[in-house]
Amino acid sequence: MVTAMQAAGICLTAVLLSKMLERYAAEQALLLVLLTGTLLTAAAVTALLPVLNEIDALLADSGLEPQQTVCITKVVGICCITQLAADVCTDAGKSALASAVSLTGKTALLLLALPLLSPLRTLLEEVLSCTGSFG
């Protein structure tokens, strides 16, 4: 497991090496940063597995349907991956690609949220029908 101090040291080393490589081989410098970011993200996800398991248990106990908890987990994953990809694009000087990645991630989130809207609409209709009977 990588600690925060180890991650900071790895990142600083990668940045220094990247800056030195940039003069002679910009592509390799970008690949170094990309590889370092990917490995640290994988280490962070591995370290978060107990937390994710606890969140899954809490969501299961909340009374949500299984497909809703899967949807929430996918949303978190899409957010993390999209942010990492957008940051790499921004670091590479490709802000237009970063914006495109962000837009694609937001679109994917909206598509994932569509199945969650139907139960919400049903609940709102029930609440509104109950308040209508009081008036």
Protein backbone atom coordinates (compact mmCIF):
# COMPACT_ATOMS: atom_id res chain seq x y z
CA MET A 1 0.00 0.00 0.00
CA VAL A 2 1.32 3.42 -0.95
CA THR A 3 1.18 6.06 1.77
CA ALA A 4 0.53 9.73 1.10
CA MET A 5 4.18 10.57 1.70
CA GLN A 6 5.32 7.87 -0.72
CA ALA A 7 2.84 9.10 -3.32
CA ALA A 8 4.10 12.67 -2.91
CA GLY A 9 7.71 11.49 -3.28
CA ILE A 10 6.89 9.44 -6.36
CA CYS A 11 5.04 12.38 -7.92
CA LEU A 12 7.83 14.85 -7.22
CA THR A 13 10.41 12.45 -8.66
CA ALA A 14 8.29 11.91 -11.75
CA VAL A 15 7.82 15.66 -12.21
CA LEU A 16 11.55 16.33 -11.91
CA LEU A 17 12.40 13.54 -14.35
CA SER A 18 9.67 14.73 -16.67
CA LYS A 19 11.00 18.28 -16.67
CA MET A 20 14.50 17.01 -17.44
CA LEU A 21 13.21 14.76 -20.24
CA GLU A 22 10.99 17.48 -21.74
CA ARG A 23 13.92 19.21 -23.45
CA TYR A 24 15.08 16.13 -25.29
CA ALA A 25 12.04 13.85 -25.58
CA ALA A 26 8.70 15.50 -24.83
CA GLU A 27 6.75 12.35 -25.71
CA GLN A 28 8.65 10.24 -23.19
CA ALA A 29 8.15 12.91 -20.53
CA LEU A 30 4.41 12.79 -21.10
CA LEU A 31 4.44 8.98 -21.00
CA LEU A 32 6.34 9.09 -17.69
CA VAL A 33 3.73 11.40 -16.17
CA LEU A 34 0.90 9.28 -17.58
CA LEU A 35 2.41 6.04 -16.27
CA THR A 36 3.06 7.54 -12.84
CA GLY A 37 -0.48 8.88 -12.62
CA THR A 38 -1.96 5.56 -13.69
CA LEU A 39 0.09 3.56 -11.19
CA LEU A 40 -0.73 5.91 -8.32
CA THR A 41 -4.42 5.87 -9.25
CA ALA A 42 -4.36 2.07 -9.25
CA ALA A 43 -2.66 2.12 -5.84
CA ALA A 44 -5.27 4.57 -4.51
CA VAL A 45 -8.15 2.44 -5.79
CA THR A 46 -6.60 -0.65 -4.21
CA ALA A 47 -6.25 1.19 -0.91
CA LEU A 48 -9.89 2.33 -1.16
CA LEU A 49 -11.33 -1.16 -1.61
CA PRO A 50 -12.27 -1.55 2.09
CA VAL A 51 -13.97 1.85 1.99
CA LEU A 52 -15.82 0.95 -1.20
CA ASN A 53 -16.94 -2.35 0.35
CA GLU A 54 -18.28 -0.45 3.38
CA ILE A 55 -20.11 2.02 1.13
CA ASP A 56 -21.62 -0.90 -0.80
CA ALA A 57 -22.80 -2.44 2.48
CA LEU A 58 -24.34 0.87 3.59
CA LEU A 59 -26.08 1.29 0.23
CA ALA A 60 -27.39 -2.28 0.39
CA ASP A 61 -28.80 -1.60 3.88
CA SER A 62 -30.41 1.64 2.71
CA GLY A 63 -33.17 -0.16 0.87
CA LEU A 64 -32.00 0.81 -2.60
CA GLU A 65 -32.36 -1.73 -5.34
CA PRO A 66 -29.14 -3.50 -6.45
CA GLN A 67 -29.08 -1.80 -9.86
CA GLN A 68 -29.20 1.58 -8.11
CA THR A 69 -26.17 0.78 -5.96
CA VAL A 70 -24.30 -0.47 -9.04
CA CYS A 71 -25.22 2.79 -10.76
CA ILE A 72 -23.81 4.85 -7.90
CA THR A 73 -20.57 2.84 -7.95
CA LYS A 74 -20.24 3.32 -11.71
CA VAL A 75 -20.81 7.05 -11.32
CA VAL A 76 -17.93 7.32 -8.86
CA GLY A 77 -15.66 5.36 -11.20
CA ILE A 78 -16.58 7.47 -14.21
CA CYS A 79 -15.90 10.66 -12.24
CA CYS A 80 -12.44 9.48 -11.19
CA ILE A 81 -11.41 8.23 -14.62
CA THR A 82 -12.75 11.29 -16.41
CA GLN A 83 -10.99 13.67 -14.03
CA LEU A 84 -7.68 11.82 -14.41
CA ALA A 85 -7.93 11.82 -18.21
CA ALA A 86 -8.88 15.51 -18.31
CA ASP A 87 -5.97 16.41 -16.03
CA VAL A 88 -3.51 14.50 -18.23
CA CYS A 89 -4.86 16.25 -21.32
CA THR A 90 -4.55 19.63 -19.60
CA ASP A 91 -0.98 18.87 -18.52
CA ALA A 92 -0.16 17.92 -22.09
CA GLY A 93 -1.41 21.32 -23.24
CA LYS A 94 -4.52 19.94 -24.92
CA SER A 95 -7.27 21.82 -23.13
CA ALA A 96 -9.76 21.15 -25.94
CA LEU A 97 -9.32 17.41 -25.42
CA ALA A 98 -9.68 17.90 -21.67
CA SER A 99 -13.00 19.67 -22.26
CA ALA A 100 -14.12 16.89 -24.60
CA VAL A 101 -13.27 14.24 -22.02
CA SER A 102 -15.16 16.17 -19.34
CA LEU A 103 -18.20 16.54 -21.59
CA THR A 104 -18.13 12.84 -22.43
CA GLY A 105 -17.95 11.96 -18.73
CA LYS A 106 -20.88 14.23 -17.93
CA THR A 107 -22.89 12.68 -20.75
CA ALA A 108 -22.12 9.20 -19.41
CA LEU A 109 -23.26 10.31 -15.95
CA LEU A 110 -26.55 11.60 -17.33
CA LEU A 111 -27.13 8.33 -19.19
CA LEU A 112 -26.44 6.36 -16.02
CA ALA A 113 -28.79 8.58 -14.01
CA LEU A 114 -31.78 7.99 -16.30
CA PRO A 115 -32.86 4.71 -14.63
CA LEU A 116 -32.77 6.47 -11.25
CA LEU A 117 -35.20 9.15 -12.39
CA SER A 118 -38.17 6.82 -12.87
CA PRO A 119 -38.47 5.78 -9.17
CA LEU A 120 -37.91 9.40 -8.20
CA ARG A 121 -40.76 10.52 -10.44
CA THR A 122 -43.03 7.84 -8.97
CA LEU A 123 -42.16 8.97 -5.46
CA LEU A 124 -42.84 12.62 -6.34
CA GLU A 125 -46.20 11.69 -7.86
CA GLU A 126 -47.14 9.84 -4.65
CA VAL A 127 -46.12 12.79 -2.48
CA LEU A 128 -47.97 15.27 -4.67
CA SER A 129 -51.11 13.14 -4.73
CA CYS A 130 -51.07 12.98 -0.93
CA THR A 131 -50.72 16.75 -0.57
CA GLY A 132 -53.49 17.29 -3.10
CA SER A 133 -55.95 15.39 -0.91
CA PHE A 134 -55.34 17.79 2.00
CA GLY A 135 -56.15 20.93 0.04
